[in-house]
Amino acid sequence: MNTMSHDEQTEAYRDFVHESDLAASEIARGRIHVDESKVTCPVLVIAGGQDRATPPKVVRKVADKYNALYVEYPGHCHVSLVKGLGWEKIAEDISRWIDK
């Protein structure tokens, strides 16, 4: 939440729910393999330009792996892609992509 104001962070935190870190740790350890050749649908990959949790450099590698459309939102952190100032434009962009 590094790009969000204290008030935005507080509001976003209230909506968080506990989830297992198992999936994230399995991915980080390379224990989960996805055969990208079996992904045949269009893929959209988005990144926050200021994301410290999943930096744009990492997200771009995912997009390249799946030959996906990559869109980076400068000034956004991991959480502000879906919460905080400007999330509406991102949601609209995703909606337009889906409609295409």
PDB file of N, CA and C in Angstrom:
ATOM      1  N   MET A   1       0.833  -1.194   0.000  1.00  0.00           N
ATOM      2  CA  MET A   1       0.000   0.000   0.000  1.00  0.00           C
ATOM      3  C   MET A   1       0.876   1.256   0.000  1.00  0.00           C
ATOM      4  N   ASN A   2       2.082   1.115  -0.543  1.00  0.00           N
ATOM      5  CA  ASN A   2       3.082   2.168  -0.461  1.00  0.00           C
ATOM      6  C   ASN A   2       2.722   3.465  -1.178  1.00  0.00           C
ATOM      7  N   THR A   3       1.757   3.463  -2.070  1.00  0.00           N
ATOM      8  CA  THR A   3       1.385   4.707  -2.751  1.00  0.00           C
ATOM      9  C   THR A   3       0.083   5.298  -2.217  1.00  0.00           C
ATOM     10  N   MET A   4      -0.491   4.659  -1.216  1.00  0.00           N
ATOM     11  CA  MET A   4      -1.797   5.079  -0.707  1.00  0.00           C
ATOM     12  C   MET A   4      -1.645   5.940   0.538  1.00  0.00           C
ATOM     13  N   SER A   5      -2.573   6.867   0.708  1.00  0.00           N
ATOM     14  CA  SER A   5      -2.583   7.693   1.913  1.00  0.00           C
ATOM     15  C   SER A   5      -2.931   6.819   3.122  1.00  0.00           C
ATOM     16  N   HIS A   6      -2.661   7.349   4.300  1.00  0.00           N
ATOM     17  CA  HIS A   6      -2.976   6.604   5.525  1.00  0.00           C
ATOM     18  C   HIS A   6      -4.465   6.254   5.579  1.00  0.00           C
ATOM     19  N   ASP A   7      -5.315   7.207   5.220  1.00  0.00           N
ATOM     20  CA  ASP A   7      -6.763   6.945   5.242  1.00  0.00           C
ATOM     21  C   ASP A   7      -7.147   5.847   4.252  1.00  0.00           C
ATOM     22  N   GLU A   8      -6.560   5.874   3.053  1.00  0.00           N
ATOM     23  CA  GLU A   8      -6.843   4.830   2.056  1.00  0.00           C
ATOM     24  C   GLU A   8      -6.363   3.467   2.551  1.00  0.00           C
ATOM     25  N   GLN A   9      -5.194   3.449   3.178  1.00  0.00           N
ATOM     26  CA  GLN A   9      -4.658   2.190   3.721  1.00  0.00           C
ATOM     27  C   GLN A   9      -5.585   1.628   4.791  1.00  0.00           C
ATOM     28  N   THR A  10      -6.044   2.504   5.691  1.00  0.00           N
ATOM     29  CA  THR A  10      -6.939   2.073   6.766  1.00  0.00           C
ATOM     30  C   THR A  10      -8.219   1.492   6.190  1.00  0.00           C
ATOM     31  N   GLU A  11      -8.797   2.173   5.202  1.00  0.00           N
ATOM     32  CA  GLU A  11     -10.034   1.692   4.587  1.00  0.00           C
ATOM     33  C   GLU A  11      -9.813   0.355   3.876  1.00  0.00           C
ATOM     34  N   ALA A  12      -8.724   0.247   3.133  1.00  0.00           N
ATOM     35  CA  ALA A  12      -8.435  -0.997   2.412  1.00  0.00           C
ATOM     36  C   ALA A  12      -8.197  -2.138   3.400  1.00  0.00           C
ATOM     37  N   TYR A  13      -7.481  -1.867   4.454  1.00  0.00           N
ATOM     38  CA  TYR A  13      -7.159  -2.910   5.433  1.00  0.00           C
ATOM     39  C   TYR A  13      -8.415  -3.502   6.057  1.00  0.00           C
ATOM     40  N   ARG A  14      -9.429  -2.663   6.249  1.00  0.00           N
ATOM     41  CA  ARG A  14     -10.697  -3.155   6.820  1.00  0.00           C
ATOM     42  C   ARG A  14     -11.349  -4.218   5.949  1.00  0.00           C
ATOM     43  N   ASP A  15     -11.096  -4.161   4.650  1.00  0.00           N
ATOM     44  CA  ASP A  15     -11.702  -5.113   3.720  1.00  0.00           C
ATOM     45  C   ASP A  15     -10.884  -6.390   3.526  1.00  0.00           C
ATOM     46  N   PHE A  16      -9.669  -6.409   4.052  1.00  0.00           N
ATOM     47  CA  PHE A  16      -8.829  -7.591   3.887  1.00  0.00           C
ATOM     48  C   PHE A  16      -9.409  -8.777   4.641  1.00  0.00           C
ATOM     49  N   VAL A  17      -9.170  -9.962   4.119  1.00  0.00           N
ATOM     50  CA  VAL A  17      -9.542 -11.198   4.798  1.00  0.00           C
ATOM     51  C   VAL A  17      -8.298 -12.071   4.880  1.00  0.00           C
ATOM     52  N   HIS A  18      -8.249 -12.895   5.909  1.00  0.00           N
ATOM     53  CA  HIS A  18      -7.105 -13.795   6.056  1.00  0.00           C
ATOM     54  C   HIS A  18      -7.154 -14.848   4.960  1.00  0.00           C
ATOM     55  N   GLU A  19      -6.006 -15.103   4.382  1.00  0.00           N
ATOM     56  CA  GLU A  19      -5.915 -16.184   3.412  1.00  0.00           C
ATOM     57  C   GLU A  19      -4.601 -16.919   3.637  1.00  0.00           C
ATOM     58  N   SER A  20      -4.556 -18.116   3.176  1.00  0.00           N
ATOM     59  CA  SER A  20      -3.359 -18.932   3.329  1.00  0.00           C
ATOM     60  C   SER A  20      -2.236 -18.385   2.462  1.00  0.00           C
ATOM     61  N   ASP A  21      -1.038 -18.415   2.992  1.00  0.00           N
ATOM     62  CA  ASP A  21       0.108 -18.014   2.179  1.00  0.00           C
ATOM     63  C   ASP A  21       0.679 -19.207   1.413  1.00  0.00           C
ATOM     64  N   LEU A  22      -0.010 -20.337   1.475  1.00  0.00           N
ATOM     65  CA  LEU A  22       0.481 -21.550   0.828  1.00  0.00           C
ATOM     66  C   LEU A  22       0.674 -21.358  -0.674  1.00  0.00           C
ATOM     67  N   ALA A  23      -0.316 -20.808  -1.353  1.00  0.00           N
ATOM     68  CA  ALA A  23      -0.198 -20.638  -2.809  1.00  0.00           C
ATOM     69  C   ALA A  23       0.979 -19.744  -3.163  1.00  0.00           C
ATOM     70  N   ALA A  24       1.114 -18.624  -2.469  1.00  0.00           N
ATOM     71  CA  ALA A  24       2.220 -17.705  -2.753  1.00  0.00           C
ATOM     72  C   ALA A  24       3.573 -18.364  -2.500  1.00  0.00           C
ATOM     73  N   SER A  25       3.678 -19.109  -1.405  1.00  0.00           N
ATOM     74  CA  SER A  25       4.963 -19.747  -1.112  1.00  0.00           C
ATOM     75  C   SER A  25       5.268 -20.874  -2.102  1.00  0.00           C
ATOM     76  N   GLU A  26       4.259 -21.594  -2.545  1.00  0.00           N
ATOM     77  CA  GLU A  26       4.470 -22.650  -3.534  1.00  0.00           C
ATOM     78  C   GLU A  26       4.919 -22.060  -4.880  1.00  0.00           C
ATOM     79  N   ILE A  27       4.332 -20.950  -5.249  1.00  0.00           N
ATOM     80  CA  ILE A  27       4.725 -20.280  -6.491  1.00  0.00           C
ATOM     81  C   ILE A  27       6.167 -19.789  -6.375  1.00  0.00           C
ATOM     82  N   ALA A  28       6.490 -19.133  -5.253  1.00  0.00           N
ATOM     83  CA  ALA A  28       7.829 -18.592  -5.051  1.00  0.00           C
ATOM     84  C   ALA A  28       8.894 -19.687  -5.064  1.00  0.00           C
ATOM     85  N   ARG A  29       8.557 -20.854  -4.597  1.00  0.00           N
ATOM     86  CA  ARG A  29       9.507 -21.974  -4.567  1.00  0.00           C
ATOM     87  C   ARG A  29       9.557 -22.732  -5.893  1.00  0.00           C
ATOM     88  N   GLY A  30       8.735 -22.319  -6.835  1.00  0.00           N
ATOM     89  CA  GLY A  30       8.740 -22.975  -8.138  1.00  0.00           C
ATOM     90  C   GLY A  30       8.086 -24.344  -8.137  1.00  0.00           C
ATOM     91  N   ARG A  31       7.237 -24.599  -7.180  1.00  0.00           N
ATOM     92  CA  ARG A  31       6.585 -25.909  -7.073  1.00  0.00           C
ATOM     93  C   ARG A  31       5.298 -26.007  -7.889  1.00  0.00           C
ATOM     94  N   ILE A  32       4.848 -24.894  -8.402  1.00  0.00           N
ATOM     95  CA  ILE A  32       3.636 -24.895  -9.219  1.00  0.00           C
ATOM     96  C   ILE A  32       4.047 -24.622 -10.660  1.00  0.00           C
ATOM     97  N   HIS A  33       3.696 -25.523 -11.544  1.00  0.00           N
ATOM     98  CA  HIS A  33       4.043 -25.368 -12.945  1.00  0.00           C
ATOM     99  C   HIS A  33       2.767 -25.218 -13.766  1.00  0.00           C
ATOM    100  N   VAL A  34       2.768 -24.248 -14.628  1.00  0.00           N
ATOM    101  CA  VAL A  34       1.661 -24.057 -15.557  1.00  0.00           C
ATOM    102  C   VAL A  34       2.228 -24.216 -16.960  1.00  0.00           C
ATOM    103  N   ASP A  35       1.644 -25.084 -17.720  1.00  0.00           N
ATOM    104  CA  ASP A  35       2.053 -25.276 -19.107  1.00  0.00           C
ATOM    105  C   ASP A  35       1.391 -24.180 -19.937  1.00  0.00           C
ATOM    106  N   GLU A  36       2.173 -23.156 -20.243  1.00  0.00           N
ATOM    107  CA  GLU A  36       1.606 -22.000 -20.953  1.00  0.00           C
ATOM    108  C   GLU A  36       1.076 -22.359 -22.332  1.00  0.00           C
ATOM    109  N   SER A  37       1.526 -23.462 -22.906  1.00  0.00           N
ATOM    110  CA  SER A  37       1.016 -23.855 -24.226  1.00  0.00           C
ATOM    111  C   SER A  37      -0.451 -24.280 -24.155  1.00  0.00           C
ATOM    112  N   LYS A  38      -0.927 -24.602 -22.966  1.00  0.00           N
ATOM    113  CA  LYS A  38      -2.328 -25.005 -22.805  1.00  0.00           C
ATOM    114  C   LYS A  38      -3.251 -23.818 -22.532  1.00  0.00           C
ATOM    115  N   VAL A  39      -2.678 -22.657 -22.368  1.00  0.00           N
ATOM    116  CA  VAL A  39      -3.483 -21.442 -22.169  1.00  0.00           C
ATOM    117  C   VAL A  39      -3.720 -20.859 -23.555  1.00  0.00           C
ATOM    118  N   THR A  40      -4.934 -21.023 -24.050  1.00  0.00           N
ATOM    119  CA  THR A  40      -5.227 -20.630 -25.430  1.00  0.00           C
ATOM    120  C   THR A  40      -6.143 -19.411 -25.542  1.00  0.00           C
ATOM    121  N   CYS A  41      -6.601 -18.931 -24.417  1.00  0.00           N
ATOM    122  CA  CYS A  41      -7.469 -17.746 -24.438  1.00  0.00           C
ATOM    123  C   CYS A  41      -6.612 -16.482 -24.351  1.00  0.00           C
ATOM    124  N   PRO A  42      -7.176 -15.347 -24.758  1.00  0.00           N
ATOM    125  CA  PRO A  42      -6.450 -14.092 -24.582  1.00  0.00           C
ATOM    126  C   PRO A  42      -6.187 -13.837 -23.093  1.00  0.00           C
ATOM    127  N   VAL A  43      -5.036 -13.239 -22.804  1.00  0.00           N
ATOM    128  CA  VAL A  43      -4.652 -12.976 -21.418  1.00  0.00           C
ATOM    129  C   VAL A  43      -4.275 -11.504 -21.276  1.00  0.00           C
ATOM    130  N   LEU A  44      -4.802 -10.888 -20.247  1.00  0.00           N
ATOM    131  CA  LEU A  44      -4.453  -9.513 -19.886  1.00  0.00           C
ATOM    132  C   LEU A  44      -3.700  -9.564 -18.568  1.00  0.00           C
ATOM    133  N   VAL A  45      -2.547  -8.915 -18.519  1.00  0.00           N
ATOM    134  CA  VAL A  45      -1.744  -8.863 -17.302  1.00  0.00           C
ATOM    135  C   VAL A  45      -1.515  -7.396 -16.963  1.00  0.00           C
ATOM    136  N   ILE A  46      -1.876  -7.016 -15.723  1.00  0.00           N
ATOM    137  CA  ILE A  46      -1.705  -5.625 -15.324  1.00  0.00           C
ATOM    138  C   ILE A  46      -0.716  -5.533 -14.175  1.00  0.00           C
ATOM    139  N   ALA A  47      -0.045  -4.384 -14.102  1.00  0.00           N
ATOM    140  CA  ALA A  47       0.930  -4.150 -13.035  1.00  0.00           C
ATOM    141  C   ALA A  47       0.789  -2.734 -12.523  1.00  0.00           C
ATOM    142  N   GLY A  48       1.084  -2.566 -11.257  1.00  0.00           N
ATOM    143  CA  GLY A  48       1.211  -1.232 -10.682  1.00  0.00           C
ATOM    144  C   GLY A  48       2.660  -0.799 -10.814  1.00  0.00           C
ATOM    145  N   GLY A  49       2.876   0.369 -11.353  1.00  0.00           N
ATOM    146  CA  GLY A  49       4.231   0.858 -11.583  1.00  0.00           C
ATOM    147  C   GLY A  49       5.068   0.978 -10.322  1.00  0.00           C
ATOM    148  N   GLN A  50       4.416   1.112  -9.166  1.00  0.00           N
ATOM    149  CA  GLN A  50       5.112   1.236  -7.885  1.00  0.00           C
ATOM    150  C   GLN A  50       4.884   0.025  -6.983  1.00  0.00           C
ATOM    151  N   ASP A  51       4.479  -1.083  -7.578  1.00  0.00           N
ATOM    152  CA  ASP A  51       4.173  -2.299  -6.813  1.00  0.00           C
ATOM    153  C   ASP A  51       5.457  -2.890  -6.243  1.00  0.00           C
ATOM    154  N   ARG A  52       5.511  -3.024  -4.916  1.00  0.00           N
ATOM    155  CA  ARG A  52       6.664  -3.639  -4.264  1.00  0.00           C
ATOM    156  C   ARG A  52       6.436  -5.123  -4.000  1.00  0.00           C
ATOM    157  N   ALA A  53       5.179  -5.558  -3.986  1.00  0.00           N
ATOM    158  CA  ALA A  53       4.863  -6.965  -3.738  1.00  0.00           C
ATOM    159  C   ALA A  53       5.169  -7.808  -4.982  1.00  0.00           C
ATOM    160  N   THR A  54       4.715  -7.345  -6.131  1.00  0.00           N
ATOM    161  CA  THR A  54       4.993  -8.004  -7.402  1.00  0.00           C
ATOM    162  C   THR A  54       5.453  -6.914  -8.373  1.00  0.00           C
ATOM    163  N   PRO A  55       6.749  -6.644  -8.397  1.00  0.00           N
ATOM    164  CA  PRO A  55       7.271  -5.534  -9.206  1.00  0.00           C
ATOM    165  C   PRO A  55       6.967  -5.698 -10.698  1.00  0.00           C
ATOM    166  N   PRO A  56       6.824  -4.577 -11.395  1.00  0.00           N
ATOM    167  CA  PRO A  56       6.512  -4.621 -12.826  1.00  0.00           C
ATOM    168  C   PRO A  56       7.450  -5.527 -13.625  1.00  0.00           C
ATOM    169  N   LYS A  57       8.715  -5.582 -13.263  1.00  0.00           N
ATOM    170  CA  LYS A  57       9.679  -6.433 -13.963  1.00  0.00           C
ATOM    171  C   LYS A  57       9.239  -7.903 -13.917  1.00  0.00           C
ATOM    172  N   VAL A  58       8.721  -8.328 -12.778  1.00  0.00           N
ATOM    173  CA  VAL A  58       8.239  -9.705 -12.615  1.00  0.00           C
ATOM    174  C   VAL A  58       6.938  -9.908 -13.393  1.00  0.00           C
ATOM    175  N   VAL A  59       6.049  -8.937 -13.295  1.00  0.00           N
ATOM    176  CA  VAL A  59       4.751  -9.036 -13.967  1.00  0.00           C
ATOM    177  C   VAL A  59       4.938  -9.085 -15.484  1.00  0.00           C
ATOM    178  N   ARG A  60       5.902  -8.307 -15.994  1.00  0.00           N
ATOM    179  CA  ARG A  60       6.160  -8.322 -17.436  1.00  0.00           C
ATOM    180  C   ARG A  60       6.632  -9.711 -17.888  1.00  0.00           C
ATOM    181  N   LYS A  61       7.408 -10.389 -17.064  1.00  0.00           N
ATOM    182  CA  LYS A  61       7.853 -11.748 -17.410  1.00  0.00           C
ATOM    183  C   LYS A  61       6.661 -12.702 -17.527  1.00  0.00           C
ATOM    184  N   VAL A  62       5.688 -12.529 -16.652  1.00  0.00           N
ATOM    185  CA  VAL A  62       4.477 -13.352 -16.721  1.00  0.00           C
ATOM    186  C   VAL A  62       3.740 -13.066 -18.033  1.00  0.00           C
ATOM    187  N   ALA A  63       3.607 -11.781 -18.358  1.00  0.00           N
ATOM    188  CA  ALA A  63       2.922 -11.404 -19.603  1.00  0.00           C
ATOM    189  C   ALA A  63       3.646 -11.985 -20.814  1.00  0.00           C
ATOM    190  N   ASP A  64       4.966 -11.903 -20.808  1.00  0.00           N
ATOM    191  CA  ASP A  64       5.740 -12.449 -21.926  1.00  0.00           C
ATOM    192  C   ASP A  64       5.547 -13.955 -22.042  1.00  0.00           C
ATOM    193  N   LYS A  65       5.526 -14.644 -20.898  1.00  0.00           N
ATOM    194  CA  LYS A  65       5.364 -16.104 -20.897  1.00  0.00           C
ATOM    195  C   LYS A  65       4.064 -16.512 -21.579  1.00  0.00           C
ATOM    196  N   TYR A  66       3.002 -15.730 -21.377  1.00  0.00           N
ATOM    197  CA  TYR A  66       1.692 -16.066 -21.928  1.00  0.00           C
ATOM    198  C   TYR A  66       1.344 -15.262 -23.177  1.00  0.00           C
ATOM    199  N   ASN A  67       2.324 -14.545 -23.711  1.00  0.00           N
ATOM    200  CA  ASN A  67       2.079 -13.708 -24.882  1.00  0.00           C
ATOM    201  C   ASN A  67       0.854 -12.833 -24.649  1.00  0.00           C
ATOM    202  N   ALA A  68       0.803 -12.248 -23.468  1.00  0.00           N
ATOM    203  CA  ALA A  68      -0.363 -11.490 -23.020  1.00  0.00           C
ATOM    204  C   ALA A  68      -0.209  -9.995 -23.310  1.00  0.00           C
ATOM    205  N   LEU A  69      -1.332  -9.323 -23.282  1.00  0.00           N
ATOM    206  CA  LEU A  69      -1.318  -7.869 -23.302  1.00  0.00           C
ATOM    207  C   LEU A  69      -0.882  -7.413 -21.919  1.00  0.00           C
ATOM    208  N   TYR A  70       0.156  -6.592 -21.856  1.00  0.00           N
ATOM    209  CA  TYR A  70       0.684  -6.074 -20.591  1.00  0.00           C
ATOM    210  C   TYR A  70       0.330  -4.603 -20.487  1.00  0.00           C
ATOM    211  N   VAL A  71      -0.277  -4.223 -19.371  1.00  0.00           N
ATOM    212  CA  VAL A  71      -0.606  -2.823 -19.127  1.00  0.00           C
ATOM    213  C   VAL A  71      -0.090  -2.460 -17.744  1.00  0.00           C
ATOM    214  N   GLU A  72       0.693  -1.399 -17.689  1.00  0.00           N
ATOM    215  CA  GLU A  72       1.244  -0.934 -16.420  1.00  0.00           C
ATOM    216  C   GLU A  72       0.602   0.398 -16.047  1.00  0.00           C
ATOM    217  N   TYR A  73       0.217   0.514 -14.794  1.00  0.00           N
ATOM    218  CA  TYR A  73      -0.409   1.734 -14.286  1.00  0.00           C
ATOM    219  C   TYR A  73       0.581   2.460 -13.389  1.00  0.00           C
ATOM    220  N   PRO A  74       1.231   3.502 -13.930  1.00  0.00           N
ATOM    221  CA  PRO A  74       2.223   4.246 -13.155  1.00  0.00           C
ATOM    222  C   PRO A  74       1.593   4.830 -11.889  1.00  0.00           C
ATOM    223  N   GLY A  75       2.370   4.864 -10.843  1.00  0.00           N
ATOM    224  CA  GLY A  75       1.896   5.467  -9.600  1.00  0.00           C
ATOM    225  C   GLY A  75       1.052   4.549  -8.744  1.00  0.00           C
ATOM    226  N   HIS A  76       0.740   3.364  -9.234  1.00  0.00           N
ATOM    227  CA  HIS A  76      -0.092   2.438  -8.462  1.00  0.00           C
ATOM    228  C   HIS A  76       0.766   1.385  -7.772  1.00  0.00           C
ATOM    229  N   CYS A  77       0.322   1.018  -6.577  1.00  0.00           N
ATOM    230  CA  CYS A  77       0.951  -0.084  -5.855  1.00  0.00           C
ATOM    231  C   CYS A  77       0.097  -1.333  -6.050  1.00  0.00           C
ATOM    232  N   HIS A  78       0.450  -2.407  -5.368  1.00  0.00           N
ATOM    233  CA  HIS A  78      -0.251  -3.682  -5.502  1.00  0.00           C
ATOM    234  C   HIS A  78      -1.743  -3.548  -5.182  1.00  0.00           C
ATOM    235  N   VAL A  79      -2.050  -2.890  -4.075  1.00  0.00           N
ATOM    236  CA  VAL A  79      -3.440  -2.779  -3.609  1.00  0.00           C
ATOM    237  C   VAL A  79      -4.204  -1.701  -4.370  1.00  0.00           C
ATOM    238  N   SER A  80      -3.524  -0.623  -4.744  1.00  0.00           N
ATOM    239  CA  SER A  80      -4.263   0.486  -5.366  1.00  0.00           C
ATOM    240  C   SER A  80      -4.750   0.166  -6.773  1.00  0.00           C
ATOM    241  N   LEU A  81      -4.355  -0.979  -7.318  1.00  0.00           N
ATOM    242  CA  LEU A  81      -4.926  -1.388  -8.602  1.00  0.00           C
ATOM    243  C   LEU A  81      -6.418  -1.656  -8.469  1.00  0.00           C
ATOM    244  N   VAL A  82      -6.859  -2.047  -7.273  1.00  0.00           N
ATOM    245  CA  VAL A  82      -8.275  -2.366  -7.055  1.00  0.00           C
ATOM    246  C   VAL A  82      -8.911  -1.521  -5.961  1.00  0.00           C
ATOM    247  N   LYS A  83      -8.127  -0.728  -5.270  1.00  0.00           N
ATOM    248  CA  LYS A  83      -8.628   0.148  -4.198  1.00  0.00           C
ATOM    249  C   LYS A  83      -7.876   1.469  -4.292  1.00  0.00           C
ATOM    250  N   GLY A  84      -8.416   2.490  -3.716  1.00  0.00           N
ATOM    251  CA  GLY A  84      -7.711   3.772  -3.705  1.00  0.00           C
ATOM    252  C   GLY A  84      -8.003   4.595  -4.950  1.00  0.00           C
ATOM    253  N   LEU A  85      -7.334   5.719  -5.044  1.00  0.00           N
ATOM    254  CA  LEU A  85      -7.565   6.655  -6.142  1.00  0.00           C
ATOM    255  C   LEU A  85      -7.209   6.036  -7.491  1.00  0.00           C
ATOM    256  N   GLY A  86      -8.118   6.151  -8.428  1.00  0.00           N
ATOM    257  CA  GLY A  86      -7.861   5.718  -9.788  1.00  0.00           C
ATOM    258  C   GLY A  86      -8.227   4.287 -10.122  1.00  0.00           C
ATOM    259  N   TRP A  87      -8.749   3.536  -9.167  1.00  0.00           N
ATOM    260  CA  TRP A  87      -9.103   2.140  -9.450  1.00  0.00           C
ATOM    261  C   TRP A  87     -10.208   2.047 -10.504  1.00  0.00           C
ATOM    262  N   GLU A  88     -11.052   3.069 -10.581  1.00  0.00           N
ATOM    263  CA  GLU A  88     -12.176   3.036 -11.516  1.00  0.00           C
ATOM    264  C   GLU A  88     -11.701   2.967 -12.971  1.00  0.00           C
ATOM    265  N   LYS A  89     -10.648   3.728 -13.307  1.00  0.00           N
ATOM    266  CA  LYS A  89     -10.126   3.709 -14.668  1.00  0.00           C
ATOM    267  C   LYS A  89      -9.569   2.333 -14.997  1.00  0.00           C
ATOM    268  N   ILE A  90      -8.885   1.727 -14.043  1.00  0.00           N
ATOM    269  CA  ILE A  90      -8.333   0.393 -14.262  1.00  0.00           C
ATOM    270  C   ILE A  90      -9.466  -0.607 -14.496  1.00  0.00           C
ATOM    271  N   ALA A  91     -10.507  -0.523 -13.680  1.00  0.00           N
ATOM    272  CA  ALA A  91     -11.664  -1.412 -13.844  1.00  0.00           C
ATOM    273  C   ALA A  91     -12.321  -1.197 -15.211  1.00  0.00           C
ATOM    274  N   GLU A  92     -12.427   0.052 -15.641  1.00  0.00           N
ATOM    275  CA  GLU A  92     -13.005   0.343 -16.961  1.00  0.00           C
ATOM    276  C   GLU A  92     -12.140  -0.235 -18.073  1.00  0.00           C
ATOM    277  N   ASP A  93     -10.814  -0.089 -17.944  1.00  0.00           N
ATOM    278  CA  ASP A  93      -9.902  -0.643 -18.949  1.00  0.00           C
ATOM    279  C   ASP A  93     -10.059  -2.158 -19.046  1.00  0.00           C
ATOM    280  N   ILE A  94     -10.147  -2.817 -17.902  1.00  0.00           N
ATOM    281  CA  ILE A  94     -10.316  -4.276 -17.889  1.00  0.00           C
ATOM    282  C   ILE A  94     -11.650  -4.650 -18.523  1.00  0.00           C
ATOM    283  N   SER A  95     -12.696  -3.924 -18.171  1.00  0.00           N
ATOM    284  CA  SER A  95     -14.019  -4.203 -18.726  1.00  0.00           C
ATOM    285  C   SER A  95     -14.016  -4.053 -20.258  1.00  0.00           C
ATOM    286  N   ARG A  96     -13.380  -2.996 -20.753  1.00  0.00           N
ATOM    287  CA  ARG A  96     -13.293  -2.791 -22.209  1.00  0.00           C
ATOM    288  C   ARG A  96     -12.516  -3.925 -22.873  1.00  0.00           C
ATOM    289  N   TRP A  97     -11.438  -4.388 -22.226  1.00  0.00           N
ATOM    290  CA  TRP A  97     -10.658  -5.491 -22.768  1.00  0.00           C
ATOM    291  C   TRP A  97     -11.501  -6.765 -22.839  1.00  0.00           C
ATOM    292  N   ILE A  98     -12.260  -7.035 -21.798  1.00  0.00           N
ATOM    293  CA  ILE A  98     -13.116  -8.218 -21.781  1.00  0.00           C
ATOM    294  C   ILE A  98     -14.170  -8.130 -22.891  1.00  0.00           C
ATOM    295  N   ASP A  99     -14.755  -6.937 -23.056  1.00  0.00           N
ATOM    296  CA  ASP A  99     -15.780  -6.768 -24.083  1.00  0.00           C
ATOM    297  C   ASP A  99     -15.246  -7.007 -25.503  1.00  0.00           C
ATOM    298  N   LYS A 100     -13.976  -6.714 -25.713  1.00  0.00           N
ATOM    299  CA  LYS A 100     -13.378  -6.948 -27.039  1.00  0.00           C
ATOM    300  C   LYS A 100     -13.274  -8.423 -27.312  1.00  0.00           C
TER     301      LYS A 100
END
